[in-house]
N, C-alpha and C. Protein backbone atom coordinates (compact mmCIF):
# COMPACT_ATOMS: atom_id res chain seq x y z
N UNK A 1 8.71 50.02 -137.57
CA UNK A 1 9.53 50.21 -136.35
C UNK A 1 10.86 50.56 -136.82
N UNK A 2 11.28 49.60 -137.69
CA UNK A 2 13.08 49.50 -138.10
C UNK A 2 13.26 51.28 -138.23
N UNK A 3 12.32 51.56 -139.22
CA UNK A 3 12.42 52.85 -139.61
C UNK A 3 12.60 54.06 -138.75
N UNK A 4 11.57 53.80 -138.00
CA UNK A 4 11.09 54.66 -136.30
C UNK A 4 12.83 54.28 -135.34
N UNK A 5 13.33 53.51 -135.26
CA UNK A 5 14.53 53.40 -134.26
C UNK A 5 15.28 53.93 -135.04
N UNK A 6 15.79 54.11 -136.50
CA UNK A 6 16.69 54.38 -137.24
C UNK A 6 16.73 56.25 -137.28
N UNK A 7 14.95 56.51 -137.84
CA UNK A 7 14.88 57.65 -137.19
C UNK A 7 15.53 58.71 -136.23
N UNK A 8 15.12 57.95 -134.78
CA UNK A 8 15.62 57.99 -133.29
C UNK A 8 16.90 58.07 -133.56
N UNK A 9 17.59 57.32 -133.51
CA UNK A 9 19.35 57.21 -133.92
C UNK A 9 19.91 58.25 -134.15
N UNK A 10 19.18 58.96 -135.46
CA UNK A 10 19.84 60.19 -136.37
C UNK A 10 19.69 61.01 -135.71
N UNK A 11 18.67 61.38 -135.38
CA UNK A 11 18.27 62.60 -133.99
C UNK A 11 18.82 62.86 -132.74
N UNK A 12 19.54 61.74 -132.56
CA UNK A 12 20.13 61.28 -131.01
C UNK A 12 21.54 62.04 -131.52
N UNK A 13 21.85 61.75 -132.28
CA UNK A 13 23.25 61.75 -132.95
C UNK A 13 23.70 63.27 -133.30
N UNK A 14 22.69 63.49 -133.95
CA UNK A 14 22.39 65.33 -134.24
C UNK A 14 22.90 66.00 -132.97
N UNK A 15 21.72 65.63 -131.87
CA UNK A 15 21.52 66.44 -130.82
C UNK A 15 23.07 66.09 -130.04
N UNK A 16 23.59 65.22 -130.27
CA UNK A 16 25.13 64.85 -129.45
C UNK A 16 25.78 65.83 -130.47
N UNK A 17 25.88 66.08 -131.62
CA UNK A 17 26.90 66.86 -132.11
C UNK A 17 26.54 68.54 -131.81
N UNK A 18 24.94 68.80 -131.61
CA UNK A 18 24.76 69.72 -130.60
C UNK A 18 25.80 70.20 -129.60
N UNK A 19 25.65 69.07 -128.75
CA UNK A 19 26.00 69.43 -127.29
C UNK A 19 27.62 69.51 -127.33
N UNK A 20 28.08 68.61 -128.50
CA UNK A 20 29.43 69.15 -128.37
C UNK A 20 30.07 70.69 -129.12
N UNK A 21 28.61 70.85 -129.87
CA UNK A 21 29.49 72.46 -130.48
C UNK A 21 28.96 73.15 -128.76
N UNK A 22 28.30 73.15 -128.31
CA UNK A 22 27.86 73.79 -127.51
C UNK A 22 28.87 74.04 -126.02
N UNK A 23 30.00 72.53 -126.05
CA UNK A 23 30.82 72.69 -125.00
C UNK A 23 30.26 71.83 -124.08
N UNK A 24 29.32 70.61 -124.67
CA UNK A 24 29.09 69.78 -122.91
C UNK A 24 29.17 68.58 -123.36
N UNK A 25 30.52 68.23 -123.40
CA UNK A 25 30.47 66.41 -124.07
C UNK A 25 30.19 65.64 -123.31
N UNK A 26 29.90 66.07 -121.18
CA UNK A 26 28.63 64.65 -120.84
C UNK A 26 27.37 64.63 -121.53
N UNK A 27 26.68 65.43 -122.06
CA UNK A 27 25.48 65.83 -122.39
C UNK A 27 25.40 65.50 -123.99
N UNK A 28 26.15 65.19 -124.74
CA UNK A 28 27.06 64.97 -126.02
C UNK A 28 26.68 62.55 -126.31
N UNK A 29 27.62 62.41 -125.13
CA UNK A 29 27.99 61.24 -124.75
C UNK A 29 26.29 60.15 -124.26
N UNK A 30 25.37 61.47 -123.22
CA UNK A 30 23.91 60.95 -123.30
C UNK A 30 23.49 61.26 -123.98
N UNK A 31 23.36 61.74 -125.15
CA UNK A 31 23.08 61.43 -126.50
C UNK A 31 22.70 60.66 -127.69
N UNK A 32 24.28 60.19 -127.66
CA UNK A 32 24.88 59.21 -128.45
C UNK A 32 24.89 57.90 -128.21
N UNK A 33 24.60 57.50 -126.88
CA UNK A 33 24.80 56.17 -126.12
C UNK A 33 23.26 55.51 -126.75
N UNK A 34 22.05 56.34 -126.23
CA UNK A 34 20.86 55.54 -126.98
C UNK A 34 21.15 55.56 -128.20
N UNK A 35 21.65 56.55 -129.37
CA UNK A 35 21.74 56.13 -130.54
C UNK A 35 22.22 55.08 -131.08
N UNK A 36 23.22 54.34 -130.16
CA UNK A 36 24.17 53.30 -130.30
C UNK A 36 23.07 52.46 -130.08
N UNK A 37 22.23 51.89 -128.94
CA UNK A 37 21.43 51.12 -129.23
C UNK A 37 20.22 51.42 -129.73
N UNK A 38 19.87 52.02 -130.51
CA UNK A 38 18.62 52.26 -131.21
C UNK A 38 19.42 51.19 -132.85
N UNK A 39 20.27 52.27 -133.26
CA UNK A 39 20.94 51.08 -134.22
C UNK A 39 21.31 49.77 -134.31
N UNK A 40 21.44 49.58 -132.77
CA UNK A 40 22.68 47.92 -132.41
C UNK A 40 20.88 47.06 -132.40
N UNK A 41 20.07 47.55 -132.10
CA UNK A 41 18.95 47.08 -131.90
C UNK A 41 18.18 46.89 -133.34
N UNK A 42 18.25 47.96 -133.92
CA UNK A 42 18.09 47.17 -135.97
C UNK A 42 19.07 46.08 -136.54
N UNK A 43 20.17 46.48 -136.36
CA UNK A 43 21.13 45.08 -136.79
C UNK A 43 20.79 43.86 -135.81
N UNK A 44 20.15 43.96 -134.77
CA UNK A 44 19.85 42.39 -134.56
C UNK A 44 18.47 42.12 -134.85
N UNK A 45 17.79 43.41 -135.17
CA UNK A 45 16.54 42.60 -135.60
C UNK A 45 16.65 42.61 -137.38
N UNK A 46 16.93 43.28 -138.17
CA UNK A 46 17.75 42.79 -139.35
C UNK A 46 18.89 41.38 -139.48
N UNK A 47 19.37 40.61 -138.66
CA UNK A 47 20.17 39.20 -138.97
C UNK A 47 19.16 38.02 -137.92
N UNK A 48 17.81 38.83 -136.82
CA UNK A 48 16.52 37.93 -136.23
C UNK A 48 15.50 38.53 -136.18
N UNK A 49 14.74 38.18 -137.56
CA UNK A 49 13.80 39.12 -137.34
C UNK A 49 12.82 39.24 -136.62
N UNK A 50 12.53 39.72 -135.61
CA UNK A 50 11.53 39.58 -134.34
C UNK A 50 10.02 38.97 -134.86
N UNK A 51 9.52 38.78 -136.09
CA UNK A 51 8.43 38.47 -136.45
C UNK A 51 8.52 37.14 -137.27
N UNK A 52 9.96 36.80 -137.04
CA UNK A 52 9.96 35.43 -137.37
C UNK A 52 10.00 34.60 -136.26
N UNK A 53 10.85 34.74 -135.40
CA UNK A 53 11.17 34.02 -133.95
C UNK A 53 11.03 34.86 -133.14
N UNK A 54 10.14 34.91 -131.91
CA UNK A 54 10.91 35.22 -130.77
C UNK A 54 12.19 35.46 -129.89
N UNK A 55 12.50 36.14 -129.39
CA UNK A 55 13.61 36.59 -128.89
C UNK A 55 13.43 36.72 -127.17
N UNK A 56 14.12 35.97 -126.06
CA UNK A 56 13.91 36.75 -124.91
C UNK A 56 14.75 37.46 -124.47
N UNK A 57 14.12 38.94 -123.84
CA UNK A 57 14.24 39.66 -123.45
C UNK A 57 15.90 39.68 -122.97
N UNK A 58 16.57 38.39 -122.51
CA UNK A 58 17.52 38.81 -122.09
C UNK A 58 18.96 38.62 -123.34
N UNK A 59 18.54 37.78 -123.86
CA UNK A 59 19.07 37.11 -125.41
C UNK A 59 19.01 38.87 -125.95
N UNK A 60 18.12 39.44 -126.40
CA UNK A 60 18.14 40.48 -126.77
C UNK A 60 19.04 41.28 -126.45
N UNK A 61 19.27 41.68 -125.17
CA UNK A 61 20.14 42.86 -124.66
C UNK A 61 21.21 42.30 -124.88
N UNK A 62 21.49 41.10 -124.59
CA UNK A 62 23.00 40.81 -124.73
C UNK A 62 23.50 40.87 -126.17
N UNK A 63 22.21 40.35 -126.76
CA UNK A 63 22.68 40.81 -129.21
C UNK A 63 22.89 42.42 -129.13
N UNK A 64 22.32 42.69 -128.70
CA UNK A 64 22.44 44.34 -128.93
C UNK A 64 23.30 44.85 -128.46
N UNK A 65 23.80 44.52 -127.33
CA UNK A 65 25.41 45.07 -126.37
C UNK A 65 26.27 44.35 -127.37
N UNK A 66 26.44 43.20 -127.73
CA UNK A 66 27.37 42.59 -128.48
C UNK A 66 27.52 43.15 -130.09
N UNK A 67 26.54 43.70 -130.70
CA UNK A 67 26.26 44.72 -131.62
C UNK A 67 27.44 45.88 -131.76
N UNK A 68 27.42 46.63 -130.43
CA UNK A 68 28.04 47.73 -130.13
C UNK A 68 29.28 47.74 -131.06
N UNK A 69 29.61 49.31 -130.86
CA UNK A 69 31.35 49.47 -131.90
C UNK A 69 31.64 49.86 -130.91
N UNK A 70 33.22 49.33 -130.83
CA UNK A 70 34.20 49.04 -130.02
C UNK A 70 33.77 50.37 -129.00
N UNK A 71 34.75 51.45 -129.04
CA UNK A 71 33.96 52.50 -128.21
C UNK A 71 32.73 52.17 -126.78
N UNK A 72 31.76 52.10 -127.81
CA UNK A 72 30.45 51.74 -126.74
C UNK A 72 30.64 50.48 -126.02
N UNK A 73 30.75 49.29 -126.72
CA UNK A 73 31.17 48.31 -126.09
C UNK A 73 31.98 47.95 -124.96
N UNK A 74 32.89 48.82 -124.68
CA UNK A 74 33.57 49.38 -123.67
C UNK A 74 32.93 49.56 -122.88
N UNK A 75 31.97 50.78 -122.93
CA UNK A 75 31.28 51.33 -121.87
C UNK A 75 30.36 50.48 -121.51
N UNK A 76 29.57 49.87 -122.05
CA UNK A 76 28.64 48.98 -121.61
C UNK A 76 28.73 48.04 -120.91
N UNK A 77 30.10 47.46 -120.34
CA UNK A 77 30.52 46.86 -119.45
C UNK A 77 30.70 47.25 -118.13
N UNK A 78 30.79 49.09 -118.16
CA UNK A 78 31.09 49.32 -116.61
C UNK A 78 29.52 50.10 -116.39
N UNK A 79 29.31 50.44 -115.51
CA UNK A 79 28.24 51.00 -114.37
C UNK A 79 27.72 52.37 -115.11
N UNK A 80 26.96 52.31 -116.49
CA UNK A 80 26.44 52.97 -117.27
C UNK A 80 26.00 54.25 -116.67
N UNK A 81 25.25 54.09 -115.40
CA UNK A 81 24.75 55.69 -114.78
C UNK A 81 26.21 56.33 -114.31
N UNK A 82 27.20 55.78 -113.57
CA UNK A 82 28.33 56.12 -113.48
C UNK A 82 29.20 56.85 -114.86
N UNK A 83 29.20 56.20 -115.60
CA UNK A 83 29.77 56.90 -117.08
C UNK A 83 28.91 57.75 -117.60
N UNK A 84 27.54 57.28 -118.24
CA UNK A 84 26.88 58.72 -118.43
C UNK A 84 26.75 59.99 -117.80
N UNK A 85 26.87 59.81 -116.35
CA UNK A 85 26.90 61.55 -114.98
C UNK A 85 28.27 61.70 -114.99
N UNK A 86 29.10 61.16 -115.14
CA UNK A 86 30.61 61.53 -114.93
C UNK A 86 30.68 62.49 -115.47
N UNK A 87 31.46 63.87 -115.47
CA UNK A 87 32.08 64.96 -116.62
C UNK A 87 32.73 63.92 -117.32
N UNK A 88 33.04 64.47 -118.89
CA UNK A 88 33.04 64.32 -120.09
C UNK A 88 33.63 65.67 -120.73
N UNK A 89 34.64 66.09 -120.92
CA UNK A 89 35.03 67.22 -121.90
C UNK A 89 34.79 66.73 -123.11
N UNK A 90 34.45 68.08 -124.39
CA UNK A 90 34.08 67.49 -125.47
C UNK A 90 35.05 66.87 -126.28
N UNK A 91 36.52 67.25 -125.74
CA UNK A 91 37.43 66.30 -126.68
C UNK A 91 37.22 64.64 -126.11
N UNK A 92 37.20 64.29 -125.12
CA UNK A 92 36.71 62.75 -124.44
C UNK A 92 35.64 62.57 -125.49
N UNK A 93 34.85 63.24 -124.84
CA UNK A 93 33.17 62.95 -125.77
C UNK A 93 33.27 62.70 -127.29
N UNK A 94 34.33 63.42 -128.06
CA UNK A 94 33.91 63.59 -129.65
C UNK A 94 34.27 62.13 -130.12
N UNK A 95 35.26 61.09 -129.89
CA UNK A 95 35.57 59.90 -130.38
C UNK A 95 34.13 59.20 -130.54
N UNK A 96 33.11 59.68 -129.25
CA UNK A 96 32.02 58.86 -129.18
C UNK A 96 31.31 59.16 -129.97
N UNK A 97 30.89 60.10 -130.25
CA UNK A 97 30.23 61.08 -130.85
C UNK A 97 30.53 60.65 -132.51
N UNK A 98 31.57 60.48 -132.95
CA UNK A 98 31.96 60.52 -134.21
C UNK A 98 31.77 58.55 -134.64
N UNK A 99 31.92 57.85 -133.49
CA UNK A 99 31.43 56.40 -133.72
C UNK A 99 30.10 56.18 -133.96
N UNK A 100 29.30 56.96 -132.84
CA UNK A 100 27.85 56.77 -132.79
C UNK A 100 27.58 57.21 -134.25
N UNK A 101 27.90 58.57 -134.89
CA UNK A 101 27.61 58.92 -136.42
C UNK A 101 27.74 57.63 -137.34
N UNK A 102 29.03 57.38 -137.49
CA UNK A 102 29.39 56.28 -138.21
C UNK A 102 28.64 55.31 -138.35
N UNK A 103 28.30 54.67 -137.15
CA UNK A 103 27.71 53.23 -136.65
C UNK A 103 26.00 53.53 -137.05
N UNK A 104 25.64 54.59 -136.50
CA UNK A 104 24.51 54.90 -137.26
C UNK A 104 24.10 55.15 -138.85
N UNK A 105 24.74 55.97 -139.72
CA UNK A 105 25.25 55.47 -141.12
C UNK A 105 25.12 54.54 -141.81
N UNK A 106 25.94 53.77 -140.93
CA UNK A 106 26.33 52.01 -141.96
C UNK A 106 25.15 51.29 -141.29
N UNK A 107 24.24 51.47 -140.20
CA UNK A 107 23.08 50.95 -139.99
C UNK A 107 22.09 51.29 -140.75
N UNK A 108 21.67 52.61 -141.00
CA UNK A 108 20.87 53.24 -141.92
C UNK A 108 21.38 52.45 -143.34
N UNK A 109 22.76 52.42 -143.85
CA UNK A 109 22.76 51.68 -145.08
C UNK A 109 22.09 50.35 -145.52
N UNK A 110 22.89 49.64 -144.06
CA UNK A 110 22.18 48.26 -143.99
C UNK A 110 20.44 47.99 -144.01
N UNK A 111 19.86 48.84 -143.17
CA UNK A 111 18.45 48.88 -143.15
C UNK A 111 18.03 49.10 -145.25
N UNK A 112 18.49 50.03 -145.61
CA UNK A 112 18.03 50.73 -146.79
C UNK A 112 18.29 48.97 -147.53
N UNK A 113 18.97 48.51 -147.79
CA UNK A 113 19.52 47.67 -148.76
C UNK A 113 18.58 46.51 -148.09
N UNK A 114 18.17 46.27 -146.85
CA UNK A 114 17.46 45.37 -146.40
C UNK A 114 15.96 45.77 -147.53
N UNK A 115 15.51 46.79 -146.74
CA UNK A 115 14.49 47.16 -147.23
C UNK A 115 14.16 47.27 -148.76
N UNK A 116 15.37 46.93 -149.72
CA UNK A 116 15.31 47.25 -151.16
C UNK A 116 15.26 45.95 -151.57
N UNK A 117 15.18 44.83 -150.60
CA UNK A 117 15.28 43.17 -150.69
C UNK A 117 13.89 43.02 -151.00
N UNK A 118 13.23 43.77 -150.09
CA UNK A 118 11.97 42.72 -149.83
C UNK A 118 11.07 43.46 -150.64
C-alpha cells in the first residue's frame, strides 16, 4: 500500500510537469495536489503505522494536511474547489509543481529507508 501511494504520487507529479510543459498551469496544479496528498499520507503512515493503532478519519485528515509542504499547506486552508478550478498560469503553478516533486522525492527516500530497516 505504501509503495502504491508513492508510485501514484510520482505519476501525478510527472503528469503535472507535462501539463506545465503544455502551458496549462491549472491542470498542473490539479495533478500536483493529489501527489502531495499521497506523499503526505505515506509520511503519516510511516510515523504512525495504521496496522499498529487505528486512527480516526478526522485525525488522519488533519495529520496529512499538517504534513503538507509550505505552499500546499497554505492551499489546504483555502476552498480547494475554488483554488483548483481557478485559472493558473504556468509561472504561478510551477513553484507548486517543483515543491510537489521535491516532497515526493523526499518521501520516497524516507519510505526506502523505512523499508530497508524492516
